[in-house]
Protein backbone atom coordinates (compact mmCIF):
# COMPACT_ATOMS: atom_id res chain seq x y z
CA UNK A 1 -2.73 33.57 18.30
CA UNK A 2 -1.78 30.01 17.35
CA UNK A 3 -2.32 27.33 19.97
CA UNK A 4 0.35 25.15 21.54
CA UNK A 5 -1.07 22.17 19.63
CA UNK A 6 -0.55 24.07 16.37
CA UNK A 7 3.01 24.99 17.35
CA UNK A 8 3.70 21.33 18.16
CA UNK A 9 2.31 20.31 14.75
CA UNK A 10 4.59 22.85 13.05
CA UNK A 11 7.56 21.35 14.89
CA UNK A 12 6.45 17.82 13.91
CA UNK A 13 6.59 18.70 10.21
CA UNK A 14 10.38 18.61 10.48
CA UNK A 15 10.30 14.95 11.54
CA UNK A 16 8.08 13.67 8.71
CA UNK A 17 10.18 11.07 6.91
CA UNK A 18 8.20 10.65 3.67
CA UNK A 19 8.24 13.80 1.52
CA UNK A 20 4.71 15.18 1.08
CA UNK A 21 3.41 15.79 -2.43
CA UNK A 22 3.66 19.28 -3.89
CA UNK A 23 -0.10 19.68 -3.37
CA UNK A 24 0.22 18.72 0.31
CA UNK A 25 3.15 21.11 0.75
CA UNK A 26 1.15 23.95 -0.79
CA UNK A 27 -1.80 23.13 1.47
CA UNK A 28 0.46 23.14 4.54
CA UNK A 29 1.92 26.49 3.45
CA UNK A 30 -1.48 28.06 2.81
CA UNK A 31 -2.96 26.85 6.09
CA UNK A 32 0.11 27.96 8.04
CA UNK A 33 -0.03 31.44 6.51
CA UNK A 34 -3.78 31.69 7.12
CA UNK A 35 -3.26 30.87 10.80
CA UNK A 36 -0.24 33.09 11.36
CA UNK A 37 -0.95 36.05 9.03
CA UNK A 38 -4.59 35.89 7.93
CA UNK A 39 -5.94 36.47 4.44
CA UNK A 40 -3.48 36.86 1.59
CA UNK A 41 -2.64 40.41 0.58
CA UNK A 42 -0.45 42.08 -1.98
CA UNK A 43 0.01 41.42 -5.66
CA UNK A 44 0.25 37.99 -7.22
CA UNK A 45 3.87 37.21 -8.19
CA UNK A 46 4.85 37.55 -11.84
CA UNK A 47 4.54 34.75 -14.36
CA UNK A 48 8.23 33.85 -14.13
CA UNK A 49 8.01 33.21 -10.38
CA UNK A 50 6.27 29.83 -10.64
CA UNK A 51 6.91 28.82 -7.03
CA UNK A 52 5.76 32.19 -5.68
CA UNK A 53 2.61 32.08 -7.82
CA UNK A 54 1.76 28.55 -6.66
CA UNK A 55 2.16 29.57 -3.02
CA UNK A 56 0.14 32.76 -3.51
CA UNK A 57 -2.63 30.88 -5.34
CA UNK A 58 -2.81 28.19 -2.65
CA UNK A 59 -3.08 30.83 0.07
CA UNK A 60 -5.59 32.91 -1.91
CA UNK A 61 -7.67 29.76 -2.39
CA UNK A 62 -8.51 29.66 1.30
CA UNK A 63 -9.14 33.38 1.71
CA UNK A 64 -11.82 34.03 4.30
CA UNK A 65 -11.18 30.81 6.25
CA UNK A 66 -10.99 31.47 9.97
CA UNK A 67 -7.69 30.98 11.77
CA UNK A 68 -9.29 28.33 14.01
CA UNK A 69 -10.56 26.35 11.05
CA UNK A 70 -7.20 26.61 9.25
CA UNK A 71 -5.41 25.54 12.42
CA UNK A 72 -7.62 22.46 12.78
CA UNK A 73 -7.05 21.50 9.14
CA UNK A 74 -3.28 22.05 9.44
CA UNK A 75 -3.05 19.81 12.52
CA UNK A 76 -5.14 17.09 10.82
CA UNK A 77 -2.92 17.17 7.72
CA UNK A 78 0.26 16.95 9.79
CA UNK A 79 -1.22 13.99 11.70
CA UNK A 80 -2.05 12.30 8.38
CA UNK A 81 1.43 12.92 6.96
CA UNK A 82 3.18 11.78 10.14
CA UNK A 83 1.20 8.52 10.12
CA UNK A 84 2.17 7.70 6.52
């Protein structure tokens, strides 16, 4: 179950003024999914779904990471992006 600090960090992402890079957005997505869902499951999207594949690959890249560790990394990344 995500912590209140994590939930606050999720809410803070909406107030970040400078757009994060695509890599940072994928990292945020992957960490968020790892915290809220767990390890990636299902089939990798087809080759014509570039966005879906990128998201799937980012999430699959952190497979096995604990929810607590992913939560800590997510919060740190949001702090870094909010300070920029």
